[in-house]
PDB file of N, CA and C in Angstrom:
ATOM      1  N   UNK A   1       0.800  -1.193   0.000  1.00  0.00           N
ATOM      2  CA  UNK A   1       0.000   0.000   0.000  1.00  0.00           C
ATOM      3  C   UNK A   1       0.851   1.269   0.000  1.00  0.00           C
ATOM      4  N   UNK A   2       2.158   1.119   0.050  1.00  0.00           N
ATOM      5  CA  UNK A   2       3.023   2.299  -0.011  1.00  0.00           C
ATOM      6  C   UNK A   2       2.802   3.053  -1.324  1.00  0.00           C
ATOM      7  N   UNK A   3       2.528   2.322  -2.396  1.00  0.00           N
ATOM      8  CA  UNK A   3       2.255   2.967  -3.681  1.00  0.00           C
ATOM      9  C   UNK A   3       0.957   3.765  -3.610  1.00  0.00           C
ATOM     10  N   UNK A   4      -0.025   3.243  -2.892  1.00  0.00           N
ATOM     11  CA  UNK A   4      -1.288   3.968  -2.719  1.00  0.00           C
ATOM     12  C   UNK A   4      -1.052   5.232  -1.904  1.00  0.00           C
ATOM     13  N   UNK A   5      -0.218   5.150  -0.880  1.00  0.00           N
ATOM     14  CA  UNK A   5       0.085   6.330  -0.068  1.00  0.00           C
ATOM     15  C   UNK A   5       0.829   7.379  -0.895  1.00  0.00           C
ATOM     16  N   UNK A   6       1.624   6.949  -1.848  1.00  0.00           N
ATOM     17  CA  UNK A   6       2.313   7.904  -2.724  1.00  0.00           C
ATOM     18  C   UNK A   6       1.303   8.618  -3.626  1.00  0.00           C
ATOM     19  N   UNK A   7       0.297   7.884  -4.086  1.00  0.00           N
ATOM     20  CA  UNK A   7      -0.734   8.479  -4.958  1.00  0.00           C
ATOM     21  C   UNK A   7      -1.690   9.359  -4.165  1.00  0.00           C
ATOM     22  N   UNK A   8      -2.074   8.891  -2.972  1.00  0.00           N
ATOM     23  CA  UNK A   8      -3.013   9.617  -2.123  1.00  0.00           C
ATOM     24  C   UNK A   8      -2.353   9.865  -0.767  1.00  0.00           C
ATOM     25  N   UNK A   9      -1.624  10.960  -0.622  1.00  0.00           N
ATOM     26  CA  UNK A   9      -0.852  11.242   0.589  1.00  0.00           C
ATOM     27  C   UNK A   9      -1.679  11.321   1.868  1.00  0.00           C
ATOM     28  N   UNK A  10      -2.989  11.504   1.759  1.00  0.00           N
ATOM     29  CA  UNK A  10      -3.833  11.563   2.951  1.00  0.00           C
ATOM     30  C   UNK A  10      -3.989  10.207   3.629  1.00  0.00           C
ATOM     31  N   UNK A  11      -3.620   9.123   2.936  1.00  0.00           N
ATOM     32  CA  UNK A  11      -3.741   7.791   3.548  1.00  0.00           C
ATOM     33  C   UNK A  11      -2.702   7.645   4.661  1.00  0.00           C
ATOM     34  N   UNK A  12      -3.185   7.349   5.843  1.00  0.00           N
ATOM     35  CA  UNK A  12      -2.286   7.140   6.975  1.00  0.00           C
ATOM     36  C   UNK A  12      -1.774   5.710   6.953  1.00  0.00           C
ATOM     37  N   UNK A  13      -0.796   5.425   7.785  1.00  0.00           N
ATOM     38  CA  UNK A  13      -0.305   4.052   7.910  1.00  0.00           C
ATOM     39  C   UNK A  13      -1.453   3.141   8.350  1.00  0.00           C
ATOM     40  N   UNK A  14      -2.259   3.620   9.291  1.00  0.00           N
ATOM     41  CA  UNK A  14      -3.410   2.835   9.747  1.00  0.00           C
ATOM     42  C   UNK A  14      -4.360   2.553   8.590  1.00  0.00           C
ATOM     43  N   UNK A  15      -4.673   3.583   7.789  1.00  0.00           N
ATOM     44  CA  UNK A  15      -5.535   3.386   6.614  1.00  0.00           C
ATOM     45  C   UNK A  15      -4.959   2.297   5.717  1.00  0.00           C
ATOM     46  N   UNK A  16      -3.685   2.405   5.441  1.00  0.00           N
ATOM     47  CA  UNK A  16      -3.031   1.469   4.528  1.00  0.00           C
ATOM     48  C   UNK A  16      -3.070   0.030   5.051  1.00  0.00           C
ATOM     49  N   UNK A  17      -3.043  -0.137   6.355  1.00  0.00           N
ATOM     50  CA  UNK A  17      -3.073  -1.495   6.902  1.00  0.00           C
ATOM     51  C   UNK A  17      -4.480  -2.039   7.052  1.00  0.00           C
ATOM     52  N   UNK A  18      -5.491  -1.177   6.991  1.00  0.00           N
ATOM     53  CA  UNK A  18      -6.867  -1.657   7.162  1.00  0.00           C
ATOM     54  C   UNK A  18      -7.631  -1.773   5.844  1.00  0.00           C
ATOM     55  N   UNK A  19      -7.180  -1.120   4.801  1.00  0.00           N
ATOM     56  CA  UNK A  19      -7.848  -1.233   3.502  1.00  0.00           C
ATOM     57  C   UNK A  19      -7.477  -2.590   2.907  1.00  0.00           C
ATOM     58  N   UNK A  20      -8.486  -3.402   2.685  1.00  0.00           N
ATOM     59  CA  UNK A  20      -8.262  -4.773   2.211  1.00  0.00           C
ATOM     60  C   UNK A  20      -8.747  -5.035   0.793  1.00  0.00           C
ATOM     61  N   UNK A  21      -9.516  -4.095   0.229  1.00  0.00           N
ATOM     62  CA  UNK A  21     -10.022  -4.350  -1.122  1.00  0.00           C
ATOM     63  C   UNK A  21     -10.289  -3.035  -1.860  1.00  0.00           C
ATOM     64  N   UNK A  22     -10.589  -3.183  -3.106  1.00  0.00           N
ATOM     65  CA  UNK A  22     -10.810  -2.033  -3.988  1.00  0.00           C
ATOM     66  C   UNK A  22     -11.950  -1.147  -3.496  1.00  0.00           C
ATOM     67  N   UNK A  23     -13.035  -1.740  -3.074  1.00  0.00           N
ATOM     68  CA  UNK A  23     -14.203  -0.986  -2.622  1.00  0.00           C
ATOM     69  C   UNK A  23     -13.847  -0.091  -1.437  1.00  0.00           C
ATOM     70  N   UNK A  24     -13.066  -0.613  -0.493  1.00  0.00           N
ATOM     71  CA  UNK A  24     -12.658   0.184   0.663  1.00  0.00           C
ATOM     72  C   UNK A  24     -11.780   1.360   0.232  1.00  0.00           C
ATOM     73  N   UNK A  25     -10.895   1.130  -0.710  1.00  0.00           N
ATOM     74  CA  UNK A  25     -10.032   2.198  -1.196  1.00  0.00           C
ATOM     75  C   UNK A  25     -10.856   3.264  -1.912  1.00  0.00           C
ATOM     76  N   UNK A  26     -11.805   2.851  -2.727  1.00  0.00           N
ATOM     77  CA  UNK A  26     -12.674   3.795  -3.430  1.00  0.00           C
ATOM     78  C   UNK A  26     -13.438   4.655  -2.422  1.00  0.00           C
ATOM     79  N   UNK A  27     -13.971   4.034  -1.403  1.00  0.00           N
ATOM     80  CA  UNK A  27     -14.711   4.772  -0.380  1.00  0.00           C
ATOM     81  C   UNK A  27     -13.818   5.791   0.310  1.00  0.00           C
ATOM     82  N   UNK A  28     -12.606   5.403   0.636  1.00  0.00           N
ATOM     83  CA  UNK A  28     -11.670   6.310   1.304  1.00  0.00           C
ATOM     84  C   UNK A  28     -11.342   7.497   0.397  1.00  0.00           C
ATOM     85  N   UNK A  29     -11.048   7.231  -0.866  1.00  0.00           N
ATOM     86  CA  UNK A  29     -10.726   8.300  -1.816  1.00  0.00           C
ATOM     87  C   UNK A  29     -11.937   9.218  -1.984  1.00  0.00           C
ATOM     88  N   UNK A  30     -13.112   8.645  -2.099  1.00  0.00           N
ATOM     89  CA  UNK A  30     -14.336   9.431  -2.257  1.00  0.00           C
ATOM     90  C   UNK A  30     -14.532  10.366  -1.072  1.00  0.00           C
ATOM     91  N   UNK A  31     -14.411   9.843   0.130  1.00  0.00           N
ATOM     92  CA  UNK A  31     -14.675  10.640   1.326  1.00  0.00           C
ATOM     93  C   UNK A  31     -13.584  11.674   1.592  1.00  0.00           C
ATOM     94  N   UNK A  32     -12.339  11.275   1.454  1.00  0.00           N
ATOM     95  CA  UNK A  32     -11.251  12.182   1.807  1.00  0.00           C
ATOM     96  C   UNK A  32     -10.986  13.244   0.740  1.00  0.00           C
ATOM     97  N   UNK A  33     -11.361  12.973  -0.504  1.00  0.00           N
ATOM     98  CA  UNK A  33     -11.117  13.936  -1.583  1.00  0.00           C
ATOM     99  C   UNK A  33     -12.385  14.665  -2.012  1.00  0.00           C
ATOM    100  N   UNK A  34     -13.489  14.365  -1.338  1.00  0.00           N
ATOM    101  CA  UNK A  34     -14.783  14.974  -1.677  1.00  0.00           C
ATOM    102  C   UNK A  34     -15.098  14.792  -3.159  1.00  0.00           C
ATOM    103  N   UNK A  35     -14.957  13.567  -3.612  1.00  0.00           N
ATOM    104  CA  UNK A  35     -15.236  13.245  -5.013  1.00  0.00           C
ATOM    105  C   UNK A  35     -16.534  12.470  -5.123  1.00  0.00           C
ATOM    106  N   UNK A  36     -17.078  12.452  -6.324  1.00  0.00           N
ATOM    107  CA  UNK A  36     -18.264  11.630  -6.571  1.00  0.00           C
ATOM    108  C   UNK A  36     -17.822  10.168  -6.612  1.00  0.00           C
ATOM    109  N   UNK A  37     -18.792   9.295  -6.505  1.00  0.00           N
ATOM    110  CA  UNK A  37     -18.507   7.857  -6.569  1.00  0.00           C
ATOM    111  C   UNK A  37     -17.793   7.521  -7.880  1.00  0.00           C
ATOM    112  N   UNK A  38     -18.289   8.080  -8.971  1.00  0.00           N
ATOM    113  CA  UNK A  38     -17.723   7.788 -10.293  1.00  0.00           C
ATOM    114  C   UNK A  38     -16.282   8.286 -10.406  1.00  0.00           C
ATOM    115  N   UNK A  39     -16.008   9.476  -9.890  1.00  0.00           N
ATOM    116  CA  UNK A  39     -14.650  10.027  -9.941  1.00  0.00           C
ATOM    117  C   UNK A  39     -13.688   9.182  -9.107  1.00  0.00           C
ATOM    118  N   UNK A  40     -14.122   8.781  -7.927  1.00  0.00           N
ATOM    119  CA  UNK A  40     -13.274   7.965  -7.054  1.00  0.00           C
ATOM    120  C   UNK A  40     -13.002   6.603  -7.699  1.00  0.00           C
ATOM    121  N   UNK A  41     -14.037   6.000  -8.274  1.00  0.00           N
ATOM    122  CA  UNK A  41     -13.858   4.705  -8.943  1.00  0.00           C
ATOM    123  C   UNK A  41     -12.879   4.833 -10.096  1.00  0.00           C
ATOM    124  N   UNK A  42     -13.025   5.878 -10.907  1.00  0.00           N
ATOM    125  CA  UNK A  42     -12.131   6.068 -12.049  1.00  0.00           C
ATOM    126  C   UNK A  42     -10.690   6.256 -11.588  1.00  0.00           C
ATOM    127  N   UNK A  43     -10.491   7.048 -10.539  1.00  0.00           N
ATOM    128  CA  UNK A  43      -9.149   7.295 -10.012  1.00  0.00           C
ATOM    129  C   UNK A  43      -8.516   6.000  -9.509  1.00  0.00           C
ATOM    130  N   UNK A  44      -9.261   5.250  -8.722  1.00  0.00           N
ATOM    131  CA  UNK A  44      -8.731   3.994  -8.171  1.00  0.00           C
ATOM    132  C   UNK A  44      -8.499   2.972  -9.279  1.00  0.00           C
ATOM    133  N   UNK A  45      -9.427   2.866 -10.216  1.00  0.00           N
ATOM    134  CA  UNK A  45      -9.257   1.896 -11.304  1.00  0.00           C
ATOM    135  C   UNK A  45      -8.032   2.234 -12.150  1.00  0.00           C
ATOM    136  N   UNK A  46      -7.817   3.519 -12.391  1.00  0.00           N
ATOM    137  CA  UNK A  46      -6.634   3.935 -13.147  1.00  0.00           C
ATOM    138  C   UNK A  46      -5.360   3.506 -12.416  1.00  0.00           C
ATOM    139  N   UNK A  47      -5.341   3.744 -11.101  1.00  0.00           N
ATOM    140  CA  UNK A  47      -4.172   3.382 -10.302  1.00  0.00           C
ATOM    141  C   UNK A  47      -3.987   1.867 -10.226  1.00  0.00           C
ATOM    142  N   UNK A  48      -5.093   1.146 -10.094  1.00  0.00           N
ATOM    143  CA  UNK A  48      -5.019  -0.305  -9.922  1.00  0.00           C
ATOM    144  C   UNK A  48      -4.685  -1.062 -11.209  1.00  0.00           C
ATOM    145  N   UNK A  49      -4.777  -0.393 -12.330  1.00  0.00           N
ATOM    146  CA  UNK A  49      -4.493  -1.067 -13.599  1.00  0.00           C
ATOM    147  C   UNK A  49      -3.118  -1.746 -13.500  1.00  0.00           C
ATOM    148  N   UNK A  50      -3.135  -3.038 -13.454  1.00  0.00           N
ATOM    149  CA  UNK A  50      -1.892  -3.800 -13.359  1.00  0.00           C
ATOM    150  C   UNK A  50      -1.437  -4.102 -11.929  1.00  0.00           C
ATOM    151  N   UNK A  51      -2.204  -3.660 -10.935  1.00  0.00           N
ATOM    152  CA  UNK A  51      -1.850  -3.930  -9.547  1.00  0.00           C
ATOM    153  C   UNK A  51      -2.858  -4.911  -8.951  1.00  0.00           C
ATOM    154  N   UNK A  52      -2.476  -5.568  -7.887  1.00  0.00           N
ATOM    155  CA  UNK A  52      -3.381  -6.477  -7.183  1.00  0.00           C
ATOM    156  C   UNK A  52      -3.226  -6.255  -5.687  1.00  0.00           C
ATOM    157  N   UNK A  53      -4.302  -6.434  -4.965  1.00  0.00           N
ATOM    158  CA  UNK A  53      -4.247  -6.336  -3.507  1.00  0.00           C
ATOM    159  C   UNK A  53      -3.679  -7.614  -2.960  1.00  0.00           C
TER     160      UNK A  53
END
């Protein structure tokens, strides 16, 4: 999740250790960045392209 923290600096170490799936990451990005569901999904999907949890 260090790569996720590099992309989204607001993610704390605790966040990084508790996020277990794509849906949780999307929710975190949506809430912390004040984005719509669609924007958060697009951002996470772009980042996840080629990555696996």
